Amino acid sequence: QVQLVSSGGGLVRTGGSLRLSCTASGIAFYNYAMGWYRQAPGNQHELVVAITSSGTNYSDITKGRFTISRDNSKNMVYLQMNSLKPEDTAVYYCNRHSINGPWPWGQGTQVTVSS
């Protein structure tokens, strides 16, 4: 079964940076487009950015600040977040980016941006 474990979150000030990592196991990782999602309290999961075989897709709210990358040899996907804002505060998860929907949500990582 799929296991997704995200890490690298923390508490930073406005304008700070964080690099998140996600390890995927139990799947042929290279076959899948992957995305980073976030969930703020009371909200549903929101796609932040995805990386597909044809490139990357950014949401308007993070374009220019966040960068996604992946290392298929390590079954890992990364999210470099710069110029963080308080509204970026959420729990961040990686998951597949697919019309079939996400796999079961794994362990997320808390990102808190103070003003």
C-alpha atoms as a PDB file:
ATOM      1  CA  GLN A   1       0.000   0.000   0.000  1.00  0.00           C
ATOM      2  CA  VAL A   2       1.004   3.593  -0.521  1.00  0.00           C
ATOM      3  CA  GLN A   3       2.801   5.359   2.275  1.00  0.00           C
ATOM      4  CA  LEU A   4       3.499   9.080   2.107  1.00  0.00           C
ATOM      5  CA  VAL A   5       5.547  10.832   4.761  1.00  0.00           C
ATOM      6  CA  SER A   6       6.137  14.582   4.609  1.00  0.00           C
ATOM      7  CA  SER A   7       8.666  16.465   6.701  1.00  0.00           C
ATOM      8  CA  GLY A   8      10.550  19.737   6.971  1.00  0.00           C
ATOM      9  CA  GLY A   9       7.860  22.033   8.306  1.00  0.00           C
ATOM     10  CA  GLY A  10       8.302  24.450  11.150  1.00  0.00           C
ATOM     11  CA  LEU A  11       7.745  27.950  12.450  1.00  0.00           C
ATOM     12  CA  VAL A  12       9.139  30.811  10.395  1.00  0.00           C
ATOM     13  CA  ARG A  13       8.597  34.536  10.154  1.00  0.00           C
ATOM     14  CA  THR A  14       6.995  36.297   7.220  1.00  0.00           C
ATOM     15  CA  GLY A  15       9.435  36.350   4.338  1.00  0.00           C
ATOM     16  CA  GLY A  16      11.240  33.232   5.522  1.00  0.00           C
ATOM     17  CA  SER A  17      11.895  29.987   3.696  1.00  0.00           C
ATOM     18  CA  LEU A  18      11.375  26.290   4.263  1.00  0.00           C
ATOM     19  CA  ARG A  19      12.122  23.170   2.257  1.00  0.00           C
ATOM     20  CA  LEU A  20       9.687  20.313   2.589  1.00  0.00           C
ATOM     21  CA  SER A  21      10.426  16.721   1.672  1.00  0.00           C
ATOM     22  CA  CYS A  22       8.142  13.786   1.039  1.00  0.00           C
ATOM     23  CA  THR A  23       9.024  10.128   0.802  1.00  0.00           C
ATOM     24  CA  ALA A  24       6.717   7.774  -1.054  1.00  0.00           C
ATOM     25  CA  SER A  25       6.786   3.998  -0.734  1.00  0.00           C
ATOM     26  CA  GLY A  26       4.700   1.120  -1.963  1.00  0.00           C
ATOM     27  CA  ILE A  27       4.294   2.537  -5.476  1.00  0.00           C
ATOM     28  CA  ALA A  28       6.120   2.835  -8.782  1.00  0.00           C
ATOM     29  CA  PHE A  29       6.811   6.463  -7.969  1.00  0.00           C
ATOM     30  CA  TYR A  30       8.121   7.477 -11.363  1.00  0.00           C
ATOM     31  CA  ASN A  31       4.777   6.605 -12.949  1.00  0.00           C
ATOM     32  CA  TYR A  32       2.884   9.312 -11.140  1.00  0.00           C
ATOM     33  CA  ALA A  33       2.476  13.030 -11.318  1.00  0.00           C
ATOM     34  CA  MET A  34       2.896  14.328  -7.799  1.00  0.00           C
ATOM     35  CA  GLY A  35       1.643  17.368  -6.006  1.00  0.00           C
ATOM     36  CA  TRP A  36       1.969  19.272  -2.802  1.00  0.00           C
ATOM     37  CA  TYR A  37      -1.287  20.061  -1.052  1.00  0.00           C
ATOM     38  CA  ARG A  38      -2.093  21.994   2.066  1.00  0.00           C
ATOM     39  CA  GLN A  39      -4.920  22.051   4.531  1.00  0.00           C
ATOM     40  CA  ALA A  40      -5.610  25.000   6.773  1.00  0.00           C
ATOM     41  CA  PRO A  41      -7.902  24.546   9.791  1.00  0.00           C
ATOM     42  CA  GLY A  42     -11.505  24.200   8.712  1.00  0.00           C
ATOM     43  CA  ASN A  43     -10.602  23.945   5.036  1.00  0.00           C
ATOM     44  CA  GLN A  44     -10.309  21.138   2.534  1.00  0.00           C
ATOM     45  CA  HIS A  45      -7.053  20.059   0.978  1.00  0.00           C
ATOM     46  CA  GLU A  46      -5.844  22.603  -1.566  1.00  0.00           C
ATOM     47  CA  LEU A  47      -3.432  21.880  -4.405  1.00  0.00           C
ATOM     48  CA  VAL A  48      -0.373  24.085  -4.105  1.00  0.00           C
ATOM     49  CA  VAL A  49       1.740  22.822  -6.972  1.00  0.00           C
ATOM     50  CA  ALA A  50       2.080  19.696  -9.087  1.00  0.00           C
ATOM     51  CA  ILE A  51       4.847  18.184 -11.153  1.00  0.00           C
ATOM     52  CA  THR A  52       3.944  16.100 -14.159  1.00  0.00           C
ATOM     53  CA  SER A  53       5.818  14.545 -17.037  1.00  0.00           C
ATOM     54  CA  SER A  54       5.222  17.696 -19.054  1.00  0.00           C
ATOM     55  CA  GLY A  55       6.267  20.207 -16.434  1.00  0.00           C
ATOM     56  CA  THR A  56       4.993  21.906 -13.348  1.00  0.00           C
ATOM     57  CA  ASN A  57       1.673  23.492 -12.520  1.00  0.00           C
ATOM     58  CA  TYR A  58       1.525  26.184  -9.910  1.00  0.00           C
ATOM     59  CA  SER A  59      -1.429  27.731  -8.213  1.00  0.00           C
ATOM     60  CA  ASP A  60      -1.673  31.483  -8.635  1.00  0.00           C
ATOM     61  CA  ILE A  61      -1.141  32.074  -4.948  1.00  0.00           C
ATOM     62  CA  THR A  62       2.231  30.340  -4.856  1.00  0.00           C
ATOM     63  CA  LYS A  63       3.656  30.914  -8.312  1.00  0.00           C
ATOM     64  CA  GLY A  64       7.001  32.633  -8.118  1.00  0.00           C
ATOM     65  CA  ARG A  65       7.472  31.743  -4.463  1.00  0.00           C
ATOM     66  CA  PHE A  66       7.295  27.946  -4.359  1.00  0.00           C
ATOM     67  CA  THR A  67       9.273  25.432  -6.404  1.00  0.00           C
ATOM     68  CA  ILE A  68       8.543  21.738  -6.670  1.00  0.00           C
ATOM     69  CA  SER A  69      11.094  19.123  -7.649  1.00  0.00           C
ATOM     70  CA  ARG A  70      11.417  15.364  -7.500  1.00  0.00           C
ATOM     71  CA  ASP A  71      14.079  12.684  -7.378  1.00  0.00           C
ATOM     72  CA  ASN A  72      12.675   9.501  -8.854  1.00  0.00           C
ATOM     73  CA  SER A  73      15.760   7.532  -7.796  1.00  0.00           C
ATOM     74  CA  LYS A  74      14.897   8.247  -4.170  1.00  0.00           C
ATOM     75  CA  ASN A  75      11.092   8.233  -4.455  1.00  0.00           C
ATOM     76  CA  MET A  76      11.071  11.762  -3.106  1.00  0.00           C
ATOM     77  CA  VAL A  77       9.399  15.044  -3.937  1.00  0.00           C
ATOM     78  CA  TYR A  78      10.435  18.417  -2.536  1.00  0.00           C
ATOM     79  CA  LEU A  79       8.868  21.820  -2.058  1.00  0.00           C
ATOM     80  CA  GLN A  80      11.070  24.874  -1.694  1.00  0.00           C
ATOM     81  CA  MET A  81       9.009  27.690  -0.208  1.00  0.00           C
ATOM     82  CA  ASN A  82      10.313  31.244  -0.234  1.00  0.00           C
ATOM     83  CA  SER A  83       8.789  34.581   0.744  1.00  0.00           C
ATOM     84  CA  LEU A  84       6.394  32.839   3.075  1.00  0.00           C
ATOM     85  CA  LYS A  85       3.264  34.644   4.201  1.00  0.00           C
ATOM     86  CA  PRO A  86       0.973  34.073   7.198  1.00  0.00           C
ATOM     87  CA  GLU A  87      -1.703  32.791   4.834  1.00  0.00           C
ATOM     88  CA  ASP A  88       0.635  29.945   3.874  1.00  0.00           C
ATOM     89  CA  THR A  89       0.132  28.510   7.356  1.00  0.00           C
ATOM     90  CA  ALA A  90      -1.272  24.985   6.999  1.00  0.00           C
ATOM     91  CA  VAL A  91      -0.431  21.316   7.180  1.00  0.00           C
ATOM     92  CA  TYR A  92       1.353  20.333   3.967  1.00  0.00           C
ATOM     93  CA  TYR A  93       1.054  16.936   2.313  1.00  0.00           C
ATOM     94  CA  CYS A  94       2.325  15.301  -0.814  1.00  0.00           C
ATOM     95  CA  ASN A  95       0.078  13.066  -2.880  1.00  0.00           C
ATOM     96  CA  ARG A  96      -0.458  12.083  -6.445  1.00  0.00           C
ATOM     97  CA  HIS A  97      -1.904  14.588  -8.885  1.00  0.00           C
ATOM     98  CA  SER A  98      -4.476  12.541 -10.761  1.00  0.00           C
ATOM     99  CA  ILE A  99      -8.006  12.648 -12.167  1.00  0.00           C
ATOM    100  CA  ASN A 100      -8.534   9.538 -10.036  1.00  0.00           C
ATOM    101  CA  GLY A 101      -8.078  11.611  -6.915  1.00  0.00           C
ATOM    102  CA  PRO A 102      -5.490  11.373  -4.173  1.00  0.00           C
ATOM    103  CA  TRP A 103      -4.269   8.301  -2.367  1.00  0.00           C
ATOM    104  CA  PRO A 104      -5.106   8.106   1.356  1.00  0.00           C
ATOM    105  CA  TRP A 105      -3.499  11.093   3.012  1.00  0.00           C
ATOM    106  CA  GLY A 106      -0.283  10.243   4.790  1.00  0.00           C
ATOM    107  CA  GLN A 107       1.658  12.149   7.399  1.00  0.00           C
ATOM    108  CA  GLY A 108       1.695  15.871   6.772  1.00  0.00           C
ATOM    109  CA  THR A 109       4.024  18.515   8.087  1.00  0.00           C
ATOM    110  CA  GLN A 110       2.939  21.702   9.848  1.00  0.00           C
ATOM    111  CA  VAL A 111       4.053  25.028   8.428  1.00  0.00           C
ATOM    112  CA  THR A 112       3.385  28.080  10.555  1.00  0.00           C
ATOM    113  CA  VAL A 113       4.277  31.559   9.354  1.00  0.00           C
ATOM    114  CA  SER A 114       4.207  34.311  11.931  1.00  0.00           C
ATOM    115  CA  SER A 115       3.548  37.923  11.052  1.00  0.00           C
END
